[in-house]
Amino acid sequence: MAAPQTKRIITEITKLQNLATDNNPSSAKFLLDKSPVDTPGSNLILGRIFPRSQIYNQAAFQIEIKLPAEFPFKPPEVRFITPIYHPNVGDEGKICVEILNPSDGFKPTTTLVDIVKAVVDRIDNPSVDHALKPEIGQEYSSNRSAFDRKALEMVKKHGLPRQ
Protein backbone atom coordinates (compact mmCIF):
# COMPACT_ATOMS: atom_id res chain seq x y z
CA MET A 1 0.00 0.00 0.00
CA ALA A 2 1.29 3.42 -0.89
CA ALA A 3 1.94 5.77 2.04
CA PRO A 4 -0.69 8.41 1.08
CA GLN A 5 -3.34 5.69 0.74
CA THR A 6 -2.39 4.22 4.14
CA LYS A 7 -2.59 7.67 5.74
CA ARG A 8 -6.03 8.25 4.19
CA ILE A 9 -7.30 4.88 5.46
CA ILE A 10 -5.99 5.56 8.99
CA THR A 11 -7.69 8.99 8.95
CA GLU A 12 -10.94 7.43 7.68
CA ILE A 13 -10.87 4.72 10.38
CA THR A 14 -10.29 7.32 13.10
CA LYS A 15 -13.37 9.20 11.85
CA LEU A 16 -15.38 5.96 11.87
CA GLN A 17 -14.29 5.32 15.48
CA ASN A 18 -15.55 8.78 16.42
CA LEU A 19 -19.08 7.79 15.35
CA ALA A 20 -19.24 5.41 18.35
CA THR A 21 -19.01 8.30 20.81
CA ASP A 22 -21.03 10.88 18.88
CA ASN A 23 -23.97 11.68 21.18
CA ASN A 24 -25.90 13.62 18.55
CA PRO A 25 -29.16 11.62 18.25
CA SER A 26 -29.42 12.42 14.52
CA SER A 27 -25.91 11.16 13.78
CA ALA A 28 -25.29 7.63 12.51
CA LYS A 29 -23.76 5.39 15.14
CA PHE A 30 -21.08 2.88 14.15
CA LEU A 31 -18.98 0.59 16.34
CA LEU A 32 -15.74 -0.54 14.75
CA ASP A 33 -15.04 -4.25 15.30
CA LYS A 34 -11.99 -4.75 13.07
CA SER A 35 -9.97 -2.63 10.66
CA PRO A 36 -6.82 -2.71 8.50
CA VAL A 37 -5.12 -0.83 11.37
CA ASP A 38 -5.63 -3.92 13.58
CA THR A 39 -4.67 -6.37 10.84
CA PRO A 40 -1.99 -4.88 8.57
CA GLY A 41 -2.35 -6.07 5.01
CA SER A 42 -6.10 -6.56 5.42
CA ASN A 43 -8.53 -4.51 3.37
CA LEU A 44 -11.59 -5.30 5.51
CA ILE A 45 -13.42 -3.12 7.98
CA LEU A 46 -16.01 -4.79 10.19
CA GLY A 47 -18.38 -2.75 12.28
CA ARG A 48 -21.91 -2.49 13.60
CA ILE A 49 -24.52 0.03 12.54
CA PHE A 50 -27.42 1.17 14.73
CA PRO A 51 -30.45 2.09 12.60
CA ARG A 52 -33.01 4.46 14.12
CA SER A 53 -36.21 3.41 12.34
CA GLN A 54 -38.94 1.33 13.94
CA ILE A 55 -38.15 -2.41 13.90
CA TYR A 56 -34.49 -2.00 12.89
CA ASN A 57 -33.80 0.16 15.98
CA GLN A 58 -34.14 -2.94 18.16
CA ALA A 59 -30.76 -4.36 17.17
CA ALA A 60 -27.35 -3.63 15.72
CA PHE A 61 -26.22 -5.07 12.39
CA GLN A 62 -22.68 -5.97 11.44
CA ILE A 63 -21.46 -4.78 8.06
CA GLU A 64 -18.27 -5.45 6.15
CA ILE A 65 -16.59 -2.69 4.16
CA LYS A 66 -14.09 -4.13 1.68
CA LEU A 67 -11.61 -1.54 0.43
CA PRO A 68 -10.34 -2.12 -3.11
CA ALA A 69 -6.63 -1.60 -3.83
CA GLU A 70 -7.67 1.48 -5.84
CA PHE A 71 -9.46 3.13 -2.89
CA PRO A 72 -10.31 6.06 -2.75
CA PHE A 73 -10.60 6.08 -6.54
CA LYS A 74 -12.89 3.05 -6.55
CA PRO A 75 -15.74 2.61 -4.06
CA PRO A 76 -15.58 -0.04 -1.36
CA GLU A 77 -17.94 -3.00 -1.40
CA VAL A 78 -20.37 -3.02 1.51
CA ARG A 79 -22.33 -6.04 2.65
CA PHE A 80 -24.30 -7.09 5.69
CA ILE A 81 -22.85 -9.90 7.78
CA THR A 82 -25.94 -9.91 10.02
CA PRO A 83 -28.93 -11.25 8.06
CA ILE A 84 -31.57 -8.55 7.55
CA TYR A 85 -34.99 -8.55 5.88
CA HIS A 86 -34.87 -5.46 3.68
CA PRO A 87 -35.71 -4.69 0.03
CA ASN A 88 -32.32 -3.05 -0.59
CA VAL A 89 -30.19 -5.91 0.78
CA GLY A 90 -29.56 -8.92 -1.46
CA ASP A 91 -28.98 -12.58 -0.64
CA GLU A 92 -25.24 -12.17 -0.16
CA GLY A 93 -25.78 -9.16 2.13
CA LYS A 94 -24.89 -6.64 -0.58
CA ILE A 95 -26.71 -3.32 -0.18
CA CYS A 96 -27.88 -1.00 -2.92
CA VAL A 97 -26.91 2.58 -2.06
CA GLU A 98 -26.30 5.20 -4.75
CA ILE A 99 -23.19 6.59 -3.01
CA LEU A 100 -21.38 3.28 -3.74
CA ASN A 101 -22.03 3.54 -7.47
CA PRO A 102 -19.15 5.27 -9.32
CA SER A 103 -21.51 6.72 -11.94
CA ASP A 104 -24.14 7.88 -9.41
CA GLY A 105 -22.46 9.25 -6.35
CA PHE A 106 -19.06 7.87 -5.43
CA LYS A 107 -16.13 10.27 -5.72
CA PRO A 108 -12.58 10.03 -4.36
CA THR A 109 -13.62 12.59 -1.73
CA THR A 110 -16.44 10.35 -0.44
CA THR A 111 -15.54 9.34 3.11
CA LEU A 112 -16.21 6.06 4.87
CA VAL A 113 -18.34 8.04 7.34
CA ASP A 114 -20.44 9.26 4.37
CA ILE A 115 -20.85 5.63 3.27
CA VAL A 116 -21.84 4.38 6.74
CA LYS A 117 -24.36 7.24 7.07
CA ALA A 118 -25.81 6.39 3.63
CA VAL A 119 -26.12 2.70 4.58
CA VAL A 120 -27.92 3.54 7.86
CA ASP A 121 -30.17 6.00 6.02
CA ARG A 122 -31.06 3.36 3.39
CA ILE A 123 -31.95 0.83 6.12
CA ASP A 124 -34.10 3.46 7.84
CA ASN A 125 -35.63 4.61 4.53
CA PRO A 126 -35.97 1.72 2.07
CA SER A 127 -36.05 2.58 -1.63
CA VAL A 128 -38.39 0.25 -3.51
CA ASP A 129 -37.08 1.80 -6.76
CA HIS A 130 -33.64 0.32 -6.01
CA ALA A 131 -34.78 -2.97 -4.49
CA LEU A 132 -32.32 -5.83 -4.86
CA LYS A 133 -35.22 -8.05 -3.81
CA PRO A 134 -38.22 -6.74 -5.78
CA GLU A 135 -40.62 -9.12 -3.98
CA ILE A 136 -39.67 -7.59 -0.62
CA GLY A 137 -39.94 -4.09 -2.13
CA GLN A 138 -43.43 -4.96 -3.37
CA GLU A 139 -44.39 -6.29 0.04
CA TYR A 140 -42.99 -3.14 1.73
CA SER A 141 -45.16 -0.98 -0.57
CA SER A 142 -48.37 -3.01 -0.66
CA ASN A 143 -48.49 -5.07 2.56
CA ARG A 144 -46.54 -3.15 5.19
CA SER A 145 -47.85 -5.21 8.12
CA ALA A 146 -46.53 -8.46 6.59
CA PHE A 147 -43.21 -6.76 5.81
CA ASP A 148 -42.94 -5.39 9.36
CA ARG A 149 -43.72 -8.80 10.87
CA LYS A 150 -41.06 -10.60 8.75
CA ALA A 151 -38.48 -7.86 9.33
CA LEU A 152 -39.08 -7.99 13.10
CA GLU A 153 -38.72 -11.80 13.09
CA MET A 154 -35.31 -11.45 11.41
CA VAL A 155 -34.25 -8.68 13.81
CA LYS A 156 -35.15 -10.82 16.82
CA LYS A 157 -33.49 -13.92 15.37
CA HIS A 158 -30.27 -12.41 13.99
CA GLY A 159 -29.90 -8.86 15.36
CA LEU A 160 -26.92 -8.06 17.59
CA PRO A 161 -27.08 -6.31 20.98
CA ARG A 162 -27.02 -2.51 20.79
CA GLN A 163 -24.08 -1.97 23.18
C-alpha atoms as a PDB file:
ATOM      1  CA  MET A   1       0.000   0.000   0.000  1.00  0.00           C
ATOM      2  CA  ALA A   2       1.286   3.419  -0.887  1.00  0.00           C
ATOM      3  CA  ALA A   3       1.941   5.775   2.036  1.00  0.00           C
ATOM      4  CA  PRO A   4      -0.692   8.410   1.078  1.00  0.00           C
ATOM      5  CA  GLN A   5      -3.338   5.690   0.741  1.00  0.00           C
ATOM      6  CA  THR A   6      -2.391   4.218   4.140  1.00  0.00           C
ATOM      7  CA  LYS A   7      -2.589   7.674   5.736  1.00  0.00           C
ATOM      8  CA  ARG A   8      -6.029   8.247   4.190  1.00  0.00           C
ATOM      9  CA  ILE A   9      -7.298   4.875   5.463  1.00  0.00           C
ATOM     10  CA  ILE A  10      -5.986   5.561   8.992  1.00  0.00           C
ATOM     11  CA  THR A  11      -7.687   8.987   8.951  1.00  0.00           C
ATOM     12  CA  GLU A  12     -10.941   7.427   7.683  1.00  0.00           C
ATOM     13  CA  ILE A  13     -10.870   4.720  10.376  1.00  0.00           C
ATOM     14  CA  THR A  14     -10.290   7.316  13.100  1.00  0.00           C
ATOM     15  CA  LYS A  15     -13.371   9.204  11.855  1.00  0.00           C
ATOM     16  CA  LEU A  16     -15.384   5.959  11.872  1.00  0.00           C
ATOM     17  CA  GLN A  17     -14.285   5.316  15.479  1.00  0.00           C
ATOM     18  CA  ASN A  18     -15.553   8.781  16.422  1.00  0.00           C
ATOM     19  CA  LEU A  19     -19.082   7.785  15.349  1.00  0.00           C
ATOM     20  CA  ALA A  20     -19.237   5.414  18.349  1.00  0.00           C
ATOM     21  CA  THR A  21     -19.013   8.299  20.812  1.00  0.00           C
ATOM     22  CA  ASP A  22     -21.035  10.880  18.879  1.00  0.00           C
ATOM     23  CA  ASN A  23     -23.971  11.675  21.176  1.00  0.00           C
ATOM     24  CA  ASN A  24     -25.898  13.618  18.549  1.00  0.00           C
ATOM     25  CA  PRO A  25     -29.161  11.623  18.248  1.00  0.00           C
ATOM     26  CA  SER A  26     -29.417  12.424  14.522  1.00  0.00           C
ATOM     27  CA  SER A  27     -25.906  11.161  13.779  1.00  0.00           C
ATOM     28  CA  ALA A  28     -25.290   7.634  12.514  1.00  0.00           C
ATOM     29  CA  LYS A  29     -23.759   5.387  15.139  1.00  0.00           C
ATOM     30  CA  PHE A  30     -21.079   2.877  14.147  1.00  0.00           C
ATOM     31  CA  LEU A  31     -18.976   0.589  16.344  1.00  0.00           C
ATOM     32  CA  LEU A  32     -15.741  -0.535  14.751  1.00  0.00           C
ATOM     33  CA  ASP A  33     -15.042  -4.247  15.305  1.00  0.00           C
ATOM     34  CA  LYS A  34     -11.988  -4.747  13.070  1.00  0.00           C
ATOM     35  CA  SER A  35      -9.973  -2.631  10.657  1.00  0.00           C
ATOM     36  CA  PRO A  36      -6.819  -2.707   8.499  1.00  0.00           C
ATOM     37  CA  VAL A  37      -5.121  -0.829  11.366  1.00  0.00           C
ATOM     38  CA  ASP A  38      -5.631  -3.924  13.583  1.00  0.00           C
ATOM     39  CA  THR A  39      -4.671  -6.370  10.842  1.00  0.00           C
ATOM     40  CA  PRO A  40      -1.988  -4.878   8.571  1.00  0.00           C
ATOM     41  CA  GLY A  41      -2.349  -6.069   5.007  1.00  0.00           C
ATOM     42  CA  SER A  42      -6.100  -6.563   5.424  1.00  0.00           C
ATOM     43  CA  ASN A  43      -8.531  -4.509   3.373  1.00  0.00           C
ATOM     44  CA  LEU A  44     -11.595  -5.301   5.509  1.00  0.00           C
ATOM     45  CA  ILE A  45     -13.418  -3.121   7.977  1.00  0.00           C
ATOM     46  CA  LEU A  46     -16.015  -4.787  10.192  1.00  0.00           C
ATOM     47  CA  GLY A  47     -18.384  -2.750  12.278  1.00  0.00           C
ATOM     48  CA  ARG A  48     -21.907  -2.489  13.604  1.00  0.00           C
ATOM     49  CA  ILE A  49     -24.523   0.029  12.543  1.00  0.00           C
ATOM     50  CA  PHE A  50     -27.418   1.167  14.727  1.00  0.00           C
ATOM     51  CA  PRO A  51     -30.446   2.085  12.605  1.00  0.00           C
ATOM     52  CA  ARG A  52     -33.010   4.461  14.116  1.00  0.00           C
ATOM     53  CA  SER A  53     -36.212   3.411  12.342  1.00  0.00           C
ATOM     54  CA  GLN A  54     -38.943   1.333  13.936  1.00  0.00           C
ATOM     55  CA  ILE A  55     -38.153  -2.409  13.902  1.00  0.00           C
ATOM     56  CA  TYR A  56     -34.489  -1.998  12.893  1.00  0.00           C
ATOM     57  CA  ASN A  57     -33.801   0.163  15.982  1.00  0.00           C
ATOM     58  CA  GLN A  58     -34.143  -2.940  18.164  1.00  0.00           C
ATOM     59  CA  ALA A  59     -30.760  -4.364  17.174  1.00  0.00           C
ATOM     60  CA  ALA A  60     -27.349  -3.626  15.723  1.00  0.00           C
ATOM     61  CA  PHE A  61     -26.224  -5.068  12.387  1.00  0.00           C
ATOM     62  CA  GLN A  62     -22.678  -5.968  11.444  1.00  0.00           C
ATOM     63  CA  ILE A  63     -21.464  -4.783   8.064  1.00  0.00           C
ATOM     64  CA  GLU A  64     -18.274  -5.448   6.150  1.00  0.00           C
ATOM     65  CA  ILE A  65     -16.590  -2.693   4.160  1.00  0.00           C
ATOM     66  CA  LYS A  66     -14.091  -4.133   1.682  1.00  0.00           C
ATOM     67  CA  LEU A  67     -11.610  -1.536   0.434  1.00  0.00           C
ATOM     68  CA  PRO A  68     -10.336  -2.117  -3.106  1.00  0.00           C
ATOM     69  CA  ALA A  69      -6.626  -1.603  -3.834  1.00  0.00           C
ATOM     70  CA  GLU A  70      -7.674   1.484  -5.844  1.00  0.00           C
ATOM     71  CA  PHE A  71      -9.458   3.129  -2.886  1.00  0.00           C
ATOM     72  CA  PRO A  72     -10.311   6.061  -2.748  1.00  0.00           C
ATOM     73  CA  PHE A  73     -10.604   6.081  -6.540  1.00  0.00           C
ATOM     74  CA  LYS A  74     -12.888   3.047  -6.545  1.00  0.00           C
ATOM     75  CA  PRO A  75     -15.743   2.611  -4.061  1.00  0.00           C
ATOM     76  CA  PRO A  76     -15.579  -0.035  -1.359  1.00  0.00           C
ATOM     77  CA  GLU A  77     -17.943  -2.998  -1.402  1.00  0.00           C
ATOM     78  CA  VAL A  78     -20.365  -3.018   1.512  1.00  0.00           C
ATOM     79  CA  ARG A  79     -22.327  -6.036   2.651  1.00  0.00           C
ATOM     80  CA  PHE A  80     -24.296  -7.088   5.693  1.00  0.00           C
ATOM     81  CA  ILE A  81     -22.846  -9.902   7.784  1.00  0.00           C
ATOM     82  CA  THR A  82     -25.935  -9.914  10.023  1.00  0.00           C
ATOM     83  CA  PRO A  83     -28.935 -11.246   8.060  1.00  0.00           C
ATOM     84  CA  ILE A  84     -31.569  -8.550   7.546  1.00  0.00           C
ATOM     85  CA  TYR A  85     -34.991  -8.555   5.882  1.00  0.00           C
ATOM     86  CA  HIS A  86     -34.870  -5.459   3.683  1.00  0.00           C
ATOM     87  CA  PRO A  87     -35.709  -4.687   0.030  1.00  0.00           C
ATOM     88  CA  ASN A  88     -32.315  -3.054  -0.594  1.00  0.00           C
ATOM     89  CA  VAL A  89     -30.194  -5.911   0.785  1.00  0.00           C
ATOM     90  CA  GLY A  90     -29.563  -8.915  -1.461  1.00  0.00           C
ATOM     91  CA  ASP A  91     -28.983 -12.584  -0.638  1.00  0.00           C
ATOM     92  CA  GLU A  92     -25.239 -12.169  -0.155  1.00  0.00           C
ATOM     93  CA  GLY A  93     -25.779  -9.158   2.131  1.00  0.00           C
ATOM     94  CA  LYS A  94     -24.889  -6.640  -0.582  1.00  0.00           C
ATOM     95  CA  ILE A  95     -26.705  -3.325  -0.183  1.00  0.00           C
ATOM     96  CA  CYS A  96     -27.880  -0.997  -2.924  1.00  0.00           C
ATOM     97  CA  VAL A  97     -26.909   2.584  -2.056  1.00  0.00           C
ATOM     98  CA  GLU A  98     -26.302   5.200  -4.752  1.00  0.00           C
ATOM     99  CA  ILE A  99     -23.191   6.585  -3.009  1.00  0.00           C
ATOM    100  CA  LEU A 100     -21.379   3.284  -3.744  1.00  0.00           C
ATOM    101  CA  ASN A 101     -22.028   3.542  -7.471  1.00  0.00           C
ATOM    102  CA  PRO A 102     -19.151   5.273  -9.317  1.00  0.00           C
ATOM    103  CA  SER A 103     -21.509   6.717 -11.943  1.00  0.00           C
ATOM    104  CA  ASP A 104     -24.142   7.878  -9.410  1.00  0.00           C
ATOM    105  CA  GLY A 105     -22.461   9.250  -6.354  1.00  0.00           C
ATOM    106  CA  PHE A 106     -19.059   7.868  -5.425  1.00  0.00           C
ATOM    107  CA  LYS A 107     -16.133  10.267  -5.724  1.00  0.00           C
ATOM    108  CA  PRO A 108     -12.576  10.031  -4.355  1.00  0.00           C
ATOM    109  CA  THR A 109     -13.619  12.589  -1.729  1.00  0.00           C
ATOM    110  CA  THR A 110     -16.436  10.349  -0.444  1.00  0.00           C
ATOM    111  CA  THR A 111     -15.540   9.344   3.105  1.00  0.00           C
ATOM    112  CA  LEU A 112     -16.206   6.058   4.866  1.00  0.00           C
ATOM    113  CA  VAL A 113     -18.337   8.041   7.336  1.00  0.00           C
ATOM    114  CA  ASP A 114     -20.445   9.258   4.374  1.00  0.00           C
ATOM    115  CA  ILE A 115     -20.851   5.633   3.266  1.00  0.00           C
ATOM    116  CA  VAL A 116     -21.842   4.385   6.739  1.00  0.00           C
ATOM    117  CA  LYS A 117     -24.356   7.242   7.069  1.00  0.00           C
ATOM    118  CA  ALA A 118     -25.805   6.387   3.632  1.00  0.00           C
ATOM    119  CA  VAL A 119     -26.120   2.696   4.585  1.00  0.00           C
ATOM    120  CA  VAL A 120     -27.917   3.538   7.860  1.00  0.00           C
ATOM    121  CA  ASP A 121     -30.167   5.997   6.021  1.00  0.00           C
ATOM    122  CA  ARG A 122     -31.056   3.360   3.394  1.00  0.00           C
ATOM    123  CA  ILE A 123     -31.950   0.829   6.120  1.00  0.00           C
ATOM    124  CA  ASP A 124     -34.101   3.457   7.841  1.00  0.00           C
ATOM    125  CA  ASN A 125     -35.625   4.615   4.526  1.00  0.00           C
ATOM    126  CA  PRO A 126     -35.973   1.722   2.073  1.00  0.00           C
ATOM    127  CA  SER A 127     -36.055   2.576  -1.630  1.00  0.00           C
ATOM    128  CA  VAL A 128     -38.388   0.252  -3.511  1.00  0.00           C
ATOM    129  CA  ASP A 129     -37.082   1.803  -6.757  1.00  0.00           C
ATOM    130  CA  HIS A 130     -33.639   0.322  -6.009  1.00  0.00           C
ATOM    131  CA  ALA A 131     -34.784  -2.967  -4.494  1.00  0.00           C
ATOM    132  CA  LEU A 132     -32.316  -5.832  -4.857  1.00  0.00           C
ATOM    133  CA  LYS A 133     -35.217  -8.052  -3.806  1.00  0.00           C
ATOM    134  CA  PRO A 134     -38.221  -6.743  -5.779  1.00  0.00           C
ATOM    135  CA  GLU A 135     -40.622  -9.124  -3.983  1.00  0.00           C
ATOM    136  CA  ILE A 136     -39.666  -7.591  -0.616  1.00  0.00           C
ATOM    137  CA  GLY A 137     -39.943  -4.089  -2.127  1.00  0.00           C
ATOM    138  CA  GLN A 138     -43.425  -4.960  -3.374  1.00  0.00           C
ATOM    139  CA  GLU A 139     -44.390  -6.289   0.043  1.00  0.00           C
ATOM    140  CA  TYR A 140     -42.987  -3.136   1.727  1.00  0.00           C
ATOM    141  CA  SER A 141     -45.165  -0.982  -0.575  1.00  0.00           C
ATOM    142  CA  SER A 142     -48.366  -3.011  -0.659  1.00  0.00           C
ATOM    143  CA  ASN A 143     -48.487  -5.072   2.564  1.00  0.00           C
ATOM    144  CA  ARG A 144     -46.544  -3.149   5.185  1.00  0.00           C
ATOM    145  CA  SER A 145     -47.848  -5.213   8.119  1.00  0.00           C
ATOM    146  CA  ALA A 146     -46.532  -8.462   6.591  1.00  0.00           C
ATOM    147  CA  PHE A 147     -43.211  -6.763   5.805  1.00  0.00           C
ATOM    148  CA  ASP A 148     -42.936  -5.386   9.362  1.00  0.00           C
ATOM    149  CA  ARG A 149     -43.717  -8.803  10.873  1.00  0.00           C
ATOM    150  CA  LYS A 150     -41.059 -10.601   8.749  1.00  0.00           C
ATOM    151  CA  ALA A 151     -38.482  -7.858   9.332  1.00  0.00           C
ATOM    152  CA  LEU A 152     -39.084  -7.989  13.096  1.00  0.00           C
ATOM    153  CA  GLU A 153     -38.721 -11.797  13.092  1.00  0.00           C
ATOM    154  CA  MET A 154     -35.306 -11.449  11.407  1.00  0.00           C
ATOM    155  CA  VAL A 155     -34.247  -8.680  13.807  1.00  0.00           C
ATOM    156  CA  LYS A 156     -35.155 -10.823  16.824  1.00  0.00           C
ATOM    157  CA  LYS A 157     -33.485 -13.916  15.374  1.00  0.00           C
ATOM    158  CA  HIS A 158     -30.265 -12.407  13.993  1.00  0.00           C
ATOM    159  CA  GLY A 159     -29.897  -8.861  15.361  1.00  0.00           C
ATOM    160  CA  LEU A 160     -26.922  -8.057  17.587  1.00  0.00           C
ATOM    161  CA  PRO A 161     -27.084  -6.307  20.982  1.00  0.00           C
ATOM    162  CA  ARG A 162     -27.017  -2.506  20.791  1.00  0.00           C
ATOM    163  CA  GLN A 163     -24.081  -1.967  23.180  1.00  0.00           C
END
